[in-house]
Amino acid sequence: MLDISELTVIADYFIVVTGDSERQIAAISERVVEELREKQRVRALAVEGTPASGWMLVDYGSVILHIFSPQQRAHVRLEELWSKARTVVHIV
């Protein structure tokens, strides 16, 4: 999770995760949307991308979840693009 609040107004945090297959990318997206809707009563503002593309984005306004395939994550290098952001949590 990257704290981008000091760098931009588009969001406060990026959460960046990797799904190892199309099925896993879809499952991560579906589960996050479902859990937040049911347990926290928070609805996503937008869901972009597809599991087949290797990238999905779930926008909650101040928090944006990026779900990448390993290939897309290596290609986009989001952490490098936002290298000035403070890392809040890093789980390998």
Protein backbone atom coordinates (compact mmCIF):
# COMPACT_ATOMS: atom_id res chain seq x y z
CA MET A 1 0.00 0.00 0.00
CA LEU A 2 1.39 3.36 -1.05
CA ASP A 3 0.48 6.62 0.65
CA ILE A 4 0.19 9.08 -2.24
CA SER A 5 -1.71 11.75 -0.31
CA GLU A 6 1.24 14.17 -0.29
CA LEU A 7 1.86 13.74 -4.02
CA THR A 8 -1.53 14.05 -5.72
CA VAL A 9 -5.20 14.85 -5.21
CA ILE A 10 -6.48 11.82 -7.15
CA ALA A 11 -6.40 9.54 -4.08
CA ASP A 12 -4.76 9.04 -0.72
CA TYR A 13 -3.66 5.43 -1.16
CA PHE A 14 -2.86 2.93 -3.88
CA ILE A 15 -3.11 -0.71 -2.97
CA VAL A 16 -1.15 -2.80 -5.46
CA VAL A 17 -1.56 -6.57 -5.60
CA THR A 18 -0.68 -9.40 -7.96
CA GLY A 19 -3.01 -12.14 -9.13
CA ASP A 20 -1.25 -15.13 -10.66
CA SER A 21 -4.08 -16.02 -13.06
CA GLU A 22 -7.17 -14.50 -14.66
CA ARG A 23 -9.28 -16.45 -12.20
CA GLN A 24 -7.34 -15.10 -9.23
CA ILE A 25 -7.51 -11.50 -10.51
CA ALA A 26 -11.30 -11.85 -10.87
CA ALA A 27 -11.62 -13.45 -7.44
CA ILE A 28 -9.63 -10.71 -5.72
CA SER A 29 -11.71 -7.99 -7.35
CA GLU A 30 -15.03 -9.70 -6.66
CA ARG A 31 -14.18 -10.48 -3.05
CA VAL A 32 -12.98 -6.96 -2.21
CA VAL A 33 -16.08 -5.38 -3.79
CA GLU A 34 -18.39 -7.87 -2.06
CA GLU A 35 -16.76 -7.65 1.38
CA LEU A 36 -16.64 -3.87 1.48
CA ARG A 37 -20.21 -3.59 0.24
CA GLU A 38 -21.62 -6.14 2.70
CA LYS A 39 -19.51 -5.53 5.81
CA GLN A 40 -18.57 -1.85 5.54
CA ARG A 41 -21.45 -0.62 3.34
CA VAL A 42 -18.95 0.97 0.99
CA ARG A 43 -19.54 0.80 -2.74
CA ALA A 44 -16.87 1.04 -5.41
CA LEU A 45 -17.10 4.21 -7.50
CA ALA A 46 -15.77 2.34 -10.53
CA VAL A 47 -14.29 -0.97 -11.59
CA GLU A 48 -12.06 -0.86 -14.66
CA GLY A 49 -10.15 -3.43 -16.69
CA THR A 50 -10.66 -7.16 -17.03
CA PRO A 51 -8.96 -10.26 -15.71
CA ALA A 52 -8.04 -11.18 -19.30
CA SER A 53 -6.16 -7.89 -19.71
CA GLY A 54 -4.03 -8.65 -16.64
CA TRP A 55 -5.13 -5.46 -14.87
CA MET A 56 -8.12 -4.38 -12.87
CA LEU A 57 -8.71 -1.22 -10.91
CA VAL A 58 -11.27 -0.80 -8.14
CA ASP A 59 -11.81 2.86 -7.25
CA TYR A 60 -13.06 3.81 -3.80
CA GLY A 61 -12.21 7.49 -4.13
CA SER A 62 -9.46 7.98 -1.59
CA VAL A 63 -8.28 4.38 -1.99
CA ILE A 64 -7.59 2.79 -5.37
CA LEU A 65 -6.91 -0.93 -5.66
CA HIS A 66 -4.76 -2.08 -8.59
CA ILE A 67 -4.77 -5.82 -9.35
CA PHE A 68 -2.12 -6.90 -11.84
CA SER A 69 -0.93 -10.09 -13.45
CA PRO A 70 2.81 -10.55 -12.83
CA GLN A 71 3.54 -9.55 -16.44
CA GLN A 72 1.43 -6.38 -16.30
CA ARG A 73 2.84 -5.38 -12.93
CA ALA A 74 6.38 -5.71 -14.29
CA HIS A 75 5.39 -3.74 -17.39
CA VAL A 76 3.53 -0.87 -15.66
CA ARG A 77 5.95 -0.59 -12.70
CA LEU A 78 3.46 1.44 -10.66
CA GLU A 79 5.70 1.42 -7.60
CA GLU A 80 8.50 2.98 -9.65
CA LEU A 81 6.20 5.62 -11.12
CA TRP A 82 5.13 6.57 -7.59
CA SER A 83 8.54 6.02 -5.99
CA LYS A 84 8.19 9.17 -3.88
CA ALA A 85 5.13 7.71 -2.18
CA ARG A 86 5.54 6.37 1.34
CA THR A 87 5.13 2.59 1.57
CA VAL A 88 2.58 1.90 4.30
CA VAL A 89 2.50 -1.89 4.00
CA HIS A 90 4.64 -4.23 1.90
CA ILE A 91 3.85 -7.94 1.97
CA VAL A 92 5.85 -10.33 -0.20
